[in-house]
Amino acid sequence: MINVYQRQATAFRNEMRTSCAALVGIVQGIMSDGHLNDAEIRFLKSWLTGAETVALTWPGTVINAQVENILADGLVTEEERSHLAETLRQLVGGKLDEIADAGFVTELPIDRLEGIEIPNKLFCFTGDFVFGPRKLCEQAIETRGGAISGVSKKLHYLVVGGLGSAEWKHGSFGTKIEKAIQHKEAGVPLFIVHEDTWAASLHG
């Protein structure tokens, strides 16, 4: 099983590096003056729509979902602008690519699913997210008919943030992930999914 996860991790890191490289150029132009206006956010959405391969690979998947979420109500708040700008600065600064190279998130026991259901399902979030603060991630679930829960036998999905967590770098999966693994080993139909899989489901 470990070898399977290692192969998946290697393939996933390669996908992430390619996606990061494709995004960096366009984001550098957008963030060149240090500011992010509404027109630039809409341009980024238009570019991602035309660059389907990038938009379907982490971190493009998450950034695309973040932009869609921001534009959904036709109003860009300063909080939303700030979160997106910080994500884009991390991308240009190489932080997201460094995470892809380190692989400490992708080496976790992630279930690679084609898609996930949100309505009437229970979600729990762990780690730090490209999409934004955990509260924003939870709101994205609740507005689509899902609910937030702790890790229990009733939980459907534990979503792992693409930015990881400091403790994961030192070999500890974290309490939530370890508890979820125990439930899975006991036969509980619970899935541990990466942020990119979760973000892709927001398009549905």
N, C-alpha and C. Protein backbone atom coordinates (compact mmCIF):
# COMPACT_ATOMS: atom_id res chain seq x y z
N MET A 1 0.83 -1.21 0.00
CA MET A 1 0.00 0.00 0.00
C MET A 1 0.87 1.26 0.00
N ILE A 2 1.99 1.22 0.75
CA ILE A 2 2.88 2.37 0.81
C ILE A 2 3.43 2.70 -0.57
N ASN A 3 3.83 1.65 -1.34
CA ASN A 3 4.37 1.87 -2.67
C ASN A 3 3.34 2.52 -3.59
N VAL A 4 2.08 2.12 -3.44
CA VAL A 4 1.01 2.71 -4.24
C VAL A 4 0.91 4.20 -3.94
N TYR A 5 0.92 4.56 -2.65
CA TYR A 5 0.84 5.97 -2.27
C TYR A 5 2.05 6.74 -2.79
N GLN A 6 3.24 6.11 -2.75
CA GLN A 6 4.45 6.78 -3.23
C GLN A 6 4.36 7.06 -4.73
N ARG A 7 3.85 6.08 -5.50
CA ARG A 7 3.70 6.29 -6.94
C ARG A 7 2.70 7.40 -7.22
N GLN A 8 1.59 7.39 -6.48
CA GLN A 8 0.58 8.44 -6.65
C GLN A 8 1.16 9.80 -6.30
N ALA A 9 1.97 9.84 -5.24
CA ALA A 9 2.57 11.09 -4.80
C ALA A 9 3.51 11.65 -5.86
N THR A 10 4.33 10.78 -6.47
CA THR A 10 5.27 11.22 -7.50
C THR A 10 4.54 11.78 -8.71
N ALA A 11 3.51 11.06 -9.16
CA ALA A 11 2.74 11.51 -10.32
C ALA A 11 2.04 12.83 -10.02
N PHE A 12 1.50 12.94 -8.82
CA PHE A 12 0.77 14.15 -8.45
C PHE A 12 1.71 15.34 -8.34
N ARG A 13 2.92 15.14 -7.79
CA ARG A 13 3.88 16.24 -7.70
C ARG A 13 4.26 16.73 -9.08
N ASN A 14 4.43 15.82 -10.04
CA ASN A 14 4.75 16.21 -11.41
C ASN A 14 3.64 17.06 -12.02
N GLU A 15 2.39 16.65 -11.77
CA GLU A 15 1.25 17.42 -12.27
C GLU A 15 1.24 18.82 -11.67
N MET A 16 1.53 18.90 -10.37
CA MET A 16 1.50 20.19 -9.68
C MET A 16 2.58 21.13 -10.21
N ARG A 17 3.77 20.59 -10.46
CA ARG A 17 4.86 21.43 -10.97
C ARG A 17 4.49 22.01 -12.33
N THR A 18 3.90 21.19 -13.20
CA THR A 18 3.49 21.65 -14.52
C THR A 18 2.43 22.73 -14.42
N SER A 19 1.45 22.50 -13.54
CA SER A 19 0.38 23.47 -13.35
C SER A 19 0.91 24.78 -12.81
N CYS A 20 1.81 24.71 -11.82
CA CYS A 20 2.40 25.92 -11.24
C CYS A 20 3.14 26.72 -12.30
N ALA A 21 3.93 26.04 -13.12
CA ALA A 21 4.72 26.71 -14.14
C ALA A 21 3.83 27.45 -15.13
N ALA A 22 2.71 26.83 -15.51
CA ALA A 22 1.80 27.45 -16.46
C ALA A 22 1.11 28.68 -15.87
N LEU A 23 0.84 28.63 -14.58
CA LEU A 23 0.15 29.75 -13.92
C LEU A 23 1.06 30.92 -13.59
N VAL A 24 2.31 30.63 -13.29
CA VAL A 24 3.22 31.67 -12.78
C VAL A 24 3.33 32.86 -13.72
N GLY A 25 3.51 32.60 -15.02
CA GLY A 25 3.67 33.69 -15.98
C GLY A 25 2.50 34.65 -15.98
N ILE A 26 1.29 34.11 -16.06
CA ILE A 26 0.11 34.96 -16.12
C ILE A 26 -0.10 35.70 -14.81
N VAL A 27 0.18 35.03 -13.70
CA VAL A 27 -0.01 35.65 -12.39
C VAL A 27 1.03 36.74 -12.15
N GLN A 28 2.25 36.55 -12.64
CA GLN A 28 3.29 37.57 -12.49
C GLN A 28 2.84 38.88 -13.13
N GLY A 29 2.21 38.76 -14.31
CA GLY A 29 1.71 39.95 -14.99
C GLY A 29 0.61 40.63 -14.21
N ILE A 30 -0.31 39.82 -13.68
CA ILE A 30 -1.44 40.36 -12.92
C ILE A 30 -0.98 41.06 -11.65
N MET A 31 0.01 40.47 -10.98
CA MET A 31 0.45 40.99 -9.68
C MET A 31 1.68 41.89 -9.78
N SER A 32 2.06 42.29 -10.98
CA SER A 32 3.30 43.06 -11.17
C SER A 32 3.30 44.39 -10.41
N ASP A 33 2.11 45.00 -10.24
CA ASP A 33 2.05 46.27 -9.52
C ASP A 33 1.70 46.10 -8.04
N GLY A 34 1.57 44.85 -7.62
CA GLY A 34 1.28 44.58 -6.21
C GLY A 34 -0.17 44.72 -5.83
N HIS A 35 -1.03 45.03 -6.81
CA HIS A 35 -2.45 45.20 -6.53
C HIS A 35 -3.28 44.24 -7.39
N LEU A 36 -4.50 43.98 -6.95
CA LEU A 36 -5.40 43.08 -7.67
C LEU A 36 -6.76 43.74 -7.77
N ASN A 37 -7.14 44.16 -8.99
CA ASN A 37 -8.43 44.81 -9.15
C ASN A 37 -9.46 43.86 -9.75
N ASP A 38 -10.70 44.31 -9.82
CA ASP A 38 -11.79 43.46 -10.29
C ASP A 38 -11.56 42.96 -11.72
N ALA A 39 -11.07 43.85 -12.58
CA ALA A 39 -10.84 43.47 -13.98
C ALA A 39 -9.80 42.36 -14.08
N GLU A 40 -8.78 42.42 -13.24
CA GLU A 40 -7.73 41.39 -13.26
C GLU A 40 -8.26 40.06 -12.75
N ILE A 41 -9.16 40.11 -11.78
CA ILE A 41 -9.77 38.87 -11.28
C ILE A 41 -10.61 38.22 -12.39
N ARG A 42 -11.38 39.05 -13.10
CA ARG A 42 -12.20 38.53 -14.21
C ARG A 42 -11.32 38.00 -15.34
N PHE A 43 -10.20 38.68 -15.60
CA PHE A 43 -9.28 38.21 -16.63
C PHE A 43 -8.69 36.86 -16.25
N LEU A 44 -8.33 36.70 -14.98
CA LEU A 44 -7.78 35.43 -14.51
C LEU A 44 -8.79 34.32 -14.70
N LYS A 45 -10.05 34.59 -14.39
CA LYS A 45 -11.10 33.59 -14.58
C LYS A 45 -11.23 33.23 -16.06
N SER A 46 -11.20 34.24 -16.93
CA SER A 46 -11.30 34.00 -18.37
C SER A 46 -10.13 33.17 -18.86
N TRP A 47 -8.93 33.47 -18.37
CA TRP A 47 -7.73 32.73 -18.79
C TRP A 47 -7.80 31.28 -18.34
N LEU A 48 -8.22 31.06 -17.10
CA LEU A 48 -8.33 29.69 -16.58
C LEU A 48 -9.39 28.90 -17.33
N THR A 49 -10.46 29.57 -17.73
CA THR A 49 -11.51 28.90 -18.51
C THR A 49 -10.95 28.40 -19.84
N GLY A 50 -10.05 29.19 -20.43
CA GLY A 50 -9.45 28.80 -21.70
C GLY A 50 -8.28 27.84 -21.55
N ALA A 51 -7.71 27.75 -20.35
CA ALA A 51 -6.58 26.85 -20.08
C ALA A 51 -7.08 25.69 -19.24
N GLU A 52 -7.90 24.84 -19.84
CA GLU A 52 -8.59 23.79 -19.09
C GLU A 52 -7.63 22.84 -18.38
N THR A 53 -6.52 22.49 -19.03
CA THR A 53 -5.57 21.56 -18.41
C THR A 53 -5.03 22.13 -17.10
N VAL A 54 -4.70 23.41 -17.11
CA VAL A 54 -4.20 24.06 -15.90
C VAL A 54 -5.30 24.16 -14.85
N ALA A 55 -6.51 24.51 -15.29
CA ALA A 55 -7.63 24.70 -14.37
C ALA A 55 -8.07 23.41 -13.71
N LEU A 56 -7.69 22.28 -14.29
CA LEU A 56 -8.10 20.99 -13.74
C LEU A 56 -6.98 20.31 -12.94
N THR A 57 -5.87 21.02 -12.74
CA THR A 57 -4.74 20.46 -11.99
C THR A 57 -4.38 21.40 -10.84
N TRP A 58 -4.10 20.81 -9.66
CA TRP A 58 -3.71 21.64 -8.52
C TRP A 58 -2.38 22.34 -8.80
N PRO A 59 -2.23 23.63 -8.48
CA PRO A 59 -3.16 24.47 -7.73
C PRO A 59 -4.16 25.22 -8.59
N GLY A 60 -4.11 25.02 -9.92
CA GLY A 60 -5.05 25.71 -10.79
C GLY A 60 -6.50 25.43 -10.44
N THR A 61 -6.78 24.16 -10.06
CA THR A 61 -8.14 23.79 -9.68
C THR A 61 -8.64 24.66 -8.53
N VAL A 62 -7.81 24.83 -7.53
CA VAL A 62 -8.22 25.57 -6.34
C VAL A 62 -8.33 27.06 -6.62
N ILE A 63 -7.38 27.60 -7.36
CA ILE A 63 -7.43 29.02 -7.69
C ILE A 63 -8.65 29.32 -8.54
N ASN A 64 -8.95 28.43 -9.49
CA ASN A 64 -10.14 28.60 -10.33
C ASN A 64 -11.41 28.59 -9.48
N ALA A 65 -11.48 27.65 -8.54
CA ALA A 65 -12.65 27.57 -7.66
C ALA A 65 -12.74 28.81 -6.78
N GLN A 66 -11.60 29.30 -6.32
CA GLN A 66 -11.58 30.49 -5.47
C GLN A 66 -12.10 31.70 -6.25
N VAL A 67 -11.66 31.84 -7.50
CA VAL A 67 -12.10 32.96 -8.33
C VAL A 67 -13.60 32.85 -8.63
N GLU A 68 -14.05 31.64 -8.95
CA GLU A 68 -15.48 31.43 -9.21
C GLU A 68 -16.32 31.80 -7.99
N ASN A 69 -15.84 31.41 -6.83
CA ASN A 69 -16.56 31.69 -5.59
C ASN A 69 -16.64 33.21 -5.34
N ILE A 70 -15.55 33.91 -5.65
CA ILE A 70 -15.50 35.36 -5.47
C ILE A 70 -16.48 36.06 -6.41
N LEU A 71 -16.55 35.60 -7.66
CA LEU A 71 -17.37 36.26 -8.67
C LEU A 71 -18.82 35.80 -8.67
N ALA A 72 -19.14 34.79 -7.88
CA ALA A 72 -20.48 34.19 -7.91
C ALA A 72 -21.60 35.19 -7.64
N ASP A 73 -21.37 36.11 -6.69
CA ASP A 73 -22.43 37.06 -6.34
C ASP A 73 -22.27 38.41 -7.03
N GLY A 74 -21.27 38.50 -7.93
CA GLY A 74 -21.07 39.73 -8.68
C GLY A 74 -20.41 40.85 -7.89
N LEU A 75 -20.04 40.57 -6.65
CA LEU A 75 -19.42 41.57 -5.79
C LEU A 75 -18.12 41.03 -5.20
N VAL A 76 -17.03 41.75 -5.42
CA VAL A 76 -15.74 41.36 -4.87
C VAL A 76 -15.49 42.14 -3.59
N THR A 77 -15.50 41.45 -2.46
CA THR A 77 -15.24 42.12 -1.18
C THR A 77 -13.74 42.28 -0.98
N GLU A 78 -13.36 43.19 -0.11
CA GLU A 78 -11.94 43.41 0.15
C GLU A 78 -11.30 42.19 0.81
N GLU A 79 -12.08 41.47 1.62
CA GLU A 79 -11.56 40.25 2.24
C GLU A 79 -11.26 39.20 1.18
N GLU A 80 -12.18 39.03 0.23
CA GLU A 80 -11.98 38.07 -0.86
C GLU A 80 -10.78 38.47 -1.71
N ARG A 81 -10.67 39.77 -2.00
CA ARG A 81 -9.55 40.26 -2.81
C ARG A 81 -8.22 39.99 -2.10
N SER A 82 -8.21 40.22 -0.80
CA SER A 82 -6.99 40.02 -0.02
C SER A 82 -6.57 38.56 0.00
N HIS A 83 -7.53 37.65 0.19
CA HIS A 83 -7.21 36.22 0.22
C HIS A 83 -6.66 35.75 -1.13
N LEU A 84 -7.30 36.18 -2.21
CA LEU A 84 -6.85 35.77 -3.54
C LEU A 84 -5.47 36.36 -3.85
N ALA A 85 -5.27 37.62 -3.50
CA ALA A 85 -3.98 38.26 -3.75
C ALA A 85 -2.86 37.53 -3.02
N GLU A 86 -3.12 37.10 -1.79
CA GLU A 86 -2.12 36.37 -1.02
C GLU A 86 -1.82 35.02 -1.67
N THR A 87 -2.85 34.35 -2.16
CA THR A 87 -2.65 33.07 -2.86
C THR A 87 -1.77 33.27 -4.08
N LEU A 88 -2.05 34.32 -4.85
CA LEU A 88 -1.29 34.59 -6.07
C LEU A 88 0.15 34.99 -5.75
N ARG A 89 0.34 35.73 -4.66
CA ARG A 89 1.71 36.08 -4.25
C ARG A 89 2.50 34.83 -3.85
N GLN A 90 1.83 33.89 -3.21
CA GLN A 90 2.49 32.63 -2.84
C GLN A 90 2.90 31.86 -4.08
N LEU A 91 2.05 31.89 -5.09
CA LEU A 91 2.35 31.18 -6.34
C LEU A 91 3.56 31.81 -7.02
N VAL A 92 3.56 33.12 -7.16
CA VAL A 92 4.67 33.82 -7.81
C VAL A 92 5.95 33.66 -7.00
N GLY A 93 5.81 33.65 -5.66
CA GLY A 93 6.98 33.53 -4.79
C GLY A 93 7.55 32.14 -4.71
N GLY A 94 6.86 31.18 -5.32
CA GLY A 94 7.36 29.82 -5.36
C GLY A 94 6.93 28.94 -4.22
N LYS A 95 6.11 29.46 -3.29
CA LYS A 95 5.73 28.67 -2.13
C LYS A 95 4.93 27.44 -2.53
N LEU A 96 3.98 27.61 -3.45
CA LEU A 96 3.16 26.46 -3.85
C LEU A 96 4.00 25.42 -4.59
N ASP A 97 4.95 25.88 -5.40
CA ASP A 97 5.81 24.95 -6.12
C ASP A 97 6.73 24.22 -5.16
N GLU A 98 7.19 24.92 -4.11
CA GLU A 98 8.04 24.27 -3.10
C GLU A 98 7.27 23.16 -2.40
N ILE A 99 5.99 23.41 -2.15
CA ILE A 99 5.16 22.39 -1.52
C ILE A 99 5.02 21.19 -2.43
N ALA A 100 4.87 21.44 -3.73
CA ALA A 100 4.77 20.34 -4.69
C ALA A 100 6.04 19.51 -4.67
N ASP A 101 7.20 20.18 -4.59
CA ASP A 101 8.47 19.46 -4.56
C ASP A 101 8.64 18.69 -3.26
N ALA A 102 8.24 19.30 -2.15
CA ALA A 102 8.40 18.64 -0.86
C ALA A 102 7.53 17.41 -0.76
N GLY A 103 6.30 17.52 -1.25
CA GLY A 103 5.42 16.35 -1.31
C GLY A 103 4.85 15.89 0.00
N PHE A 104 4.98 16.68 1.09
CA PHE A 104 4.51 16.15 2.36
C PHE A 104 3.00 16.06 2.43
N VAL A 105 2.29 16.82 1.60
CA VAL A 105 0.83 16.69 1.55
C VAL A 105 0.44 15.49 0.70
N THR A 106 1.08 15.36 -0.47
CA THR A 106 0.69 14.29 -1.39
C THR A 106 1.11 12.92 -0.90
N GLU A 107 1.99 12.84 0.10
CA GLU A 107 2.39 11.55 0.64
C GLU A 107 1.46 11.08 1.76
N LEU A 108 0.47 11.88 2.08
CA LEU A 108 -0.54 11.46 3.03
C LEU A 108 -1.45 10.43 2.36
N PRO A 109 -2.17 9.63 3.13
CA PRO A 109 -3.03 8.58 2.55
C PRO A 109 -4.29 9.16 1.92
N ILE A 110 -4.12 9.80 0.77
CA ILE A 110 -5.21 10.49 0.09
C ILE A 110 -5.99 9.53 -0.81
N ASP A 111 -7.31 9.67 -0.82
CA ASP A 111 -8.16 8.93 -1.75
C ASP A 111 -8.32 9.78 -3.00
N ARG A 112 -7.85 9.28 -4.13
CA ARG A 112 -7.97 10.02 -5.38
C ARG A 112 -9.30 9.66 -6.04
N LEU A 113 -10.28 10.51 -5.89
CA LEU A 113 -11.62 10.28 -6.40
C LEU A 113 -11.87 11.09 -7.67
N GLU A 114 -12.76 10.60 -8.51
CA GLU A 114 -13.15 11.33 -9.71
C GLU A 114 -13.94 12.58 -9.34
N GLY A 115 -14.69 12.49 -8.27
CA GLY A 115 -15.50 13.61 -7.82
C GLY A 115 -16.10 13.29 -6.47
N ILE A 116 -16.64 14.29 -5.81
CA ILE A 116 -17.28 14.06 -4.52
C ILE A 116 -18.65 14.74 -4.51
N GLU A 117 -19.55 14.21 -3.70
CA GLU A 117 -20.88 14.79 -3.54
C GLU A 117 -20.87 15.76 -2.37
N ILE A 118 -21.60 16.86 -2.51
CA ILE A 118 -21.66 17.84 -1.42
C ILE A 118 -23.00 17.86 -0.70
N PRO A 119 -24.14 17.92 -1.42
CA PRO A 119 -25.43 18.00 -0.72
C PRO A 119 -25.65 16.85 0.26
N ASN A 120 -26.06 17.20 1.47
CA ASN A 120 -26.40 16.23 2.51
C ASN A 120 -25.21 15.39 2.99
N LYS A 121 -23.99 15.86 2.73
CA LYS A 121 -22.79 15.15 3.18
C LYS A 121 -22.08 15.95 4.27
N LEU A 122 -21.36 15.23 5.14
CA LEU A 122 -20.62 15.86 6.23
C LEU A 122 -19.15 16.02 5.87
N PHE A 123 -18.61 17.21 6.08
CA PHE A 123 -17.22 17.52 5.74
C PHE A 123 -16.46 18.03 6.96
N CYS A 124 -15.17 17.70 6.98
CA CYS A 124 -14.27 18.23 8.00
C CYS A 124 -13.01 18.69 7.27
N PHE A 125 -12.43 19.81 7.68
CA PHE A 125 -11.24 20.36 7.03
C PHE A 125 -10.05 20.32 7.98
N THR A 126 -8.87 20.03 7.41
CA THR A 126 -7.65 20.01 8.21
C THR A 126 -6.49 20.59 7.41
N GLY A 127 -5.60 21.31 8.07
CA GLY A 127 -4.48 21.93 7.39
C GLY A 127 -4.82 23.33 6.89
N ASP A 128 -3.93 23.89 6.09
CA ASP A 128 -4.12 25.23 5.52
C ASP A 128 -4.46 25.11 4.04
N PHE A 129 -5.32 26.00 3.56
CA PHE A 129 -5.88 25.87 2.23
C PHE A 129 -5.51 27.01 1.29
N VAL A 130 -5.22 26.64 0.03
CA VAL A 130 -5.00 27.63 -1.01
C VAL A 130 -6.29 28.42 -1.23
N PHE A 131 -7.43 27.76 -1.12
CA PHE A 131 -8.74 28.36 -1.36
C PHE A 131 -8.98 29.56 -0.45
N GLY A 132 -8.42 29.52 0.73
CA GLY A 132 -8.63 30.61 1.69
C GLY A 132 -8.72 30.08 3.10
N PRO A 133 -9.10 30.93 4.05
CA PRO A 133 -9.25 30.50 5.44
C PRO A 133 -10.26 29.36 5.56
N ARG A 134 -10.12 28.56 6.59
CA ARG A 134 -11.01 27.41 6.77
C ARG A 134 -12.48 27.83 6.82
N LYS A 135 -12.75 28.99 7.41
CA LYS A 135 -14.13 29.48 7.49
C LYS A 135 -14.72 29.66 6.10
N LEU A 136 -13.91 30.15 5.15
CA LEU A 136 -14.37 30.35 3.78
C LEU A 136 -14.64 29.00 3.11
N CYS A 137 -13.80 28.01 3.40
CA CYS A 137 -14.00 26.67 2.85
C CYS A 137 -15.30 26.07 3.38
N GLU A 138 -15.55 26.26 4.65
CA GLU A 138 -16.77 25.73 5.26
C GLU A 138 -18.00 26.40 4.68
N GLN A 139 -17.92 27.70 4.43
CA GLN A 139 -19.05 28.42 3.84
C GLN A 139 -19.35 27.89 2.44
N ALA A 140 -18.30 27.54 1.69
CA ALA A 140 -18.50 27.01 0.34
C ALA A 140 -19.27 25.69 0.38
N ILE A 141 -19.07 24.91 1.43
CA ILE A 141 -19.79 23.65 1.60
C ILE A 141 -21.24 23.92 2.00
N GLU A 142 -21.42 24.77 2.97
CA GLU A 142 -22.76 25.03 3.51
C GLU A 142 -23.68 25.66 2.48
N THR A 143 -23.16 26.53 1.63
CA THR A 143 -24.00 27.16 0.61
C THR A 143 -24.40 26.18 -0.49
N ARG A 144 -23.73 25.03 -0.54
CA ARG A 144 -24.05 24.01 -1.54
C ARG A 144 -24.79 22.82 -0.94
N GLY A 145 -25.28 22.98 0.27
CA GLY A 145 -26.11 21.94 0.87
C GLY A 145 -25.40 20.92 1.72
N GLY A 146 -24.10 21.10 1.94
CA GLY A 146 -23.35 20.19 2.80
C GLY A 146 -23.31 20.72 4.22
N ALA A 147 -22.67 19.99 5.12
CA ALA A 147 -22.57 20.41 6.52
C ALA A 147 -21.17 20.13 7.05
N ILE A 148 -20.81 20.83 8.12
CA ILE A 148 -19.49 20.70 8.73
C ILE A 148 -19.58 19.84 9.98
N SER A 149 -18.58 18.99 10.17
CA SER A 149 -18.58 18.07 11.31
C SER A 149 -17.15 17.80 11.75
N GLY A 150 -17.02 17.21 12.92
CA GLY A 150 -15.72 16.73 13.35
C GLY A 150 -15.49 15.35 12.76
N VAL A 151 -14.33 14.75 13.04
CA VAL A 151 -14.04 13.41 12.53
C VAL A 151 -14.77 12.39 13.39
N SER A 152 -15.70 11.68 12.77
CA SER A 152 -16.47 10.65 13.45
C SER A 152 -16.85 9.58 12.43
N LYS A 153 -17.53 8.55 12.88
CA LYS A 153 -17.95 7.49 11.98
C LYS A 153 -19.03 7.96 11.01
N LYS A 154 -19.62 9.11 11.28
CA LYS A 154 -20.66 9.65 10.41
C LYS A 154 -20.09 10.56 9.32
N LEU A 155 -18.82 10.94 9.47
CA LEU A 155 -18.19 11.85 8.52
C LEU A 155 -18.07 11.20 7.15
N HIS A 156 -18.30 11.99 6.09
CA HIS A 156 -18.16 11.47 4.73
C HIS A 156 -16.80 11.83 4.12
N TYR A 157 -16.35 13.09 4.33
CA TYR A 157 -15.10 13.54 3.71
C TYR A 157 -14.25 14.35 4.68
N LEU A 158 -12.97 13.98 4.78
CA LEU A 158 -11.98 14.80 5.47
C LEU A 158 -11.15 15.45 4.37
N VAL A 159 -11.19 16.77 4.28
CA VAL A 159 -10.50 17.49 3.21
C VAL A 159 -9.16 18.02 3.73
N VAL A 160 -8.08 17.65 3.04
CA VAL A 160 -6.72 18.02 3.44
C VAL A 160 -6.26 19.24 2.65
N GLY A 161 -5.90 20.31 3.35
CA GLY A 161 -5.47 21.54 2.70
C GLY A 161 -4.20 21.38 1.89
N GLY A 162 -4.16 22.00 0.72
CA GLY A 162 -3.02 21.89 -0.17
C GLY A 162 -1.75 22.54 0.37
N LEU A 163 -1.89 23.46 1.34
CA LEU A 163 -0.71 24.09 1.94
C LEU A 163 -0.19 23.31 3.13
N GLY A 164 -0.90 22.23 3.47
CA GLY A 164 -0.42 21.33 4.51
C GLY A 164 -0.50 21.91 5.91
N SER A 165 0.40 21.42 6.75
CA SER A 165 0.47 21.84 8.16
C SER A 165 1.90 21.59 8.62
N ALA A 166 2.39 22.44 9.49
CA ALA A 166 3.78 22.32 9.94
C ALA A 166 4.08 20.95 10.54
N GLU A 167 3.13 20.38 11.29
CA GLU A 167 3.39 19.10 11.95
C GLU A 167 3.53 17.96 10.94
N TRP A 168 2.87 18.10 9.76
CA TRP A 168 2.97 17.03 8.76
C TRP A 168 4.38 16.94 8.20
N LYS A 169 5.10 18.06 8.17
CA LYS A 169 6.46 18.07 7.64
C LYS A 169 7.40 17.23 8.50
N HIS A 170 7.01 17.00 9.74
CA HIS A 170 7.87 16.27 10.68
C HIS A 170 7.38 14.86 10.95
N GLY A 171 6.57 14.34 10.01
CA GLY A 171 6.18 12.94 10.09
C GLY A 171 4.89 12.65 10.79
N SER A 172 4.24 13.66 11.36
CA SER A 172 2.97 13.44 12.04
C SER A 172 1.82 13.79 11.11
N PHE A 173 0.87 12.86 10.94
CA PHE A 173 -0.27 13.12 10.07
C PHE A 173 -1.23 14.12 10.68
N GLY A 174 -1.20 14.30 11.97
CA GLY A 174 -2.16 15.16 12.63
C GLY A 174 -3.32 14.33 13.18
N THR A 175 -3.92 14.82 14.24
CA THR A 175 -4.97 14.07 14.94
C THR A 175 -6.15 13.72 14.05
N LYS A 176 -6.64 14.68 13.28
CA LYS A 176 -7.81 14.42 12.44
C LYS A 176 -7.54 13.34 11.41
N ILE A 177 -6.38 13.41 10.76
CA ILE A 177 -6.05 12.42 9.73
C ILE A 177 -5.85 11.05 10.35
N GLU A 178 -5.15 11.00 11.47
CA GLU A 178 -4.91 9.71 12.13
C GLU A 178 -6.23 9.06 12.57
N LYS A 179 -7.14 9.88 13.09
CA LYS A 179 -8.44 9.35 13.52
C LYS A 179 -9.24 8.87 12.32
N ALA A 180 -9.17 9.62 11.21
CA ALA A 180 -9.89 9.22 10.00
C ALA A 180 -9.35 7.90 9.46
N ILE A 181 -8.03 7.73 9.51
CA ILE A 181 -7.41 6.49 9.04
C ILE A 181 -7.90 5.31 9.89
N GLN A 182 -7.98 5.51 11.19
CA GLN A 182 -8.48 4.46 12.08
C GLN A 182 -9.90 4.06 11.72
N HIS A 183 -10.74 5.03 11.44
CA HIS A 183 -12.12 4.74 11.05
C HIS A 183 -12.16 3.97 9.73
N LYS A 184 -11.33 4.39 8.77
CA LYS A 184 -11.29 3.71 7.47
C LYS A 184 -10.85 2.26 7.63
N GLU A 185 -9.84 2.04 8.45
CA GLU A 185 -9.35 0.68 8.68
C GLU A 185 -10.40 -0.19 9.36
N ALA A 186 -11.33 0.46 10.08
CA ALA A 186 -12.41 -0.28 10.75
C ALA A 186 -13.61 -0.49 9.83
N GLY A 187 -13.47 -0.03 8.58
CA GLY A 187 -14.54 -0.26 7.61
C GLY A 187 -15.51 0.89 7.42
N VAL A 188 -15.24 2.02 8.05
CA VAL A 188 -16.13 3.18 7.90
C VAL A 188 -15.94 3.78 6.49
N PRO A 189 -17.03 4.02 5.75
CA PRO A 189 -16.94 4.57 4.39
C PRO A 189 -16.62 6.06 4.38
N LEU A 190 -15.43 6.39 4.81
CA LEU A 190 -14.98 7.78 4.93
C LEU A 190 -13.84 8.00 3.94
N PHE A 191 -13.84 9.15 3.28
CA PHE A 191 -12.79 9.45 2.30
C PHE A 191 -11.92 10.61 2.77
N ILE A 192 -10.61 10.45 2.58
CA ILE A 192 -9.66 11.53 2.85
C ILE A 192 -9.26 12.09 1.49
N VAL A 193 -9.62 13.34 1.22
CA VAL A 193 -9.41 13.91 -0.11
C VAL A 193 -8.54 15.16 -0.05
N HIS A 194 -7.78 15.37 -1.11
CA HIS A 194 -6.93 16.54 -1.23
C HIS A 194 -7.78 17.75 -1.62
N GLU A 195 -7.29 18.91 -1.30
CA GLU A 195 -8.01 20.16 -1.59
C GLU A 195 -8.41 20.27 -3.06
N ASP A 196 -7.57 19.79 -3.97
CA ASP A 196 -7.88 19.94 -5.39
C ASP A 196 -9.14 19.18 -5.78
N THR A 197 -9.32 17.97 -5.23
CA THR A 197 -10.52 17.17 -5.53
C THR A 197 -11.76 17.87 -4.98
N TRP A 198 -11.64 18.39 -3.77
CA TRP A 198 -12.76 19.13 -3.17
C TRP A 198 -13.10 20.37 -3.98
N ALA A 199 -12.08 21.13 -4.38
CA ALA A 199 -12.31 22.37 -5.12
C ALA A 199 -12.97 22.10 -6.46
N ALA A 200 -12.55 21.01 -7.12
CA ALA A 200 -13.15 20.66 -8.41
C ALA A 200 -14.64 20.39 -8.27
N SER A 201 -15.05 19.87 -7.12
CA SER A 201 -16.47 19.54 -6.92
C SER A 201 -17.32 20.79 -6.76
N LEU A 202 -16.71 21.92 -6.48
CA LEU A 202 -17.47 23.16 -6.31
C LEU A 202 -18.04 23.67 -7.62
N HIS A 203 -17.53 23.15 -8.73
CA HIS A 203 -18.03 23.58 -10.04
C HIS A 203 -19.38 22.96 -10.35
N GLY A 204 -19.73 21.85 -9.65
CA GLY A 204 -20.95 21.12 -9.95
C GLY A 204 -22.21 21.86 -9.54
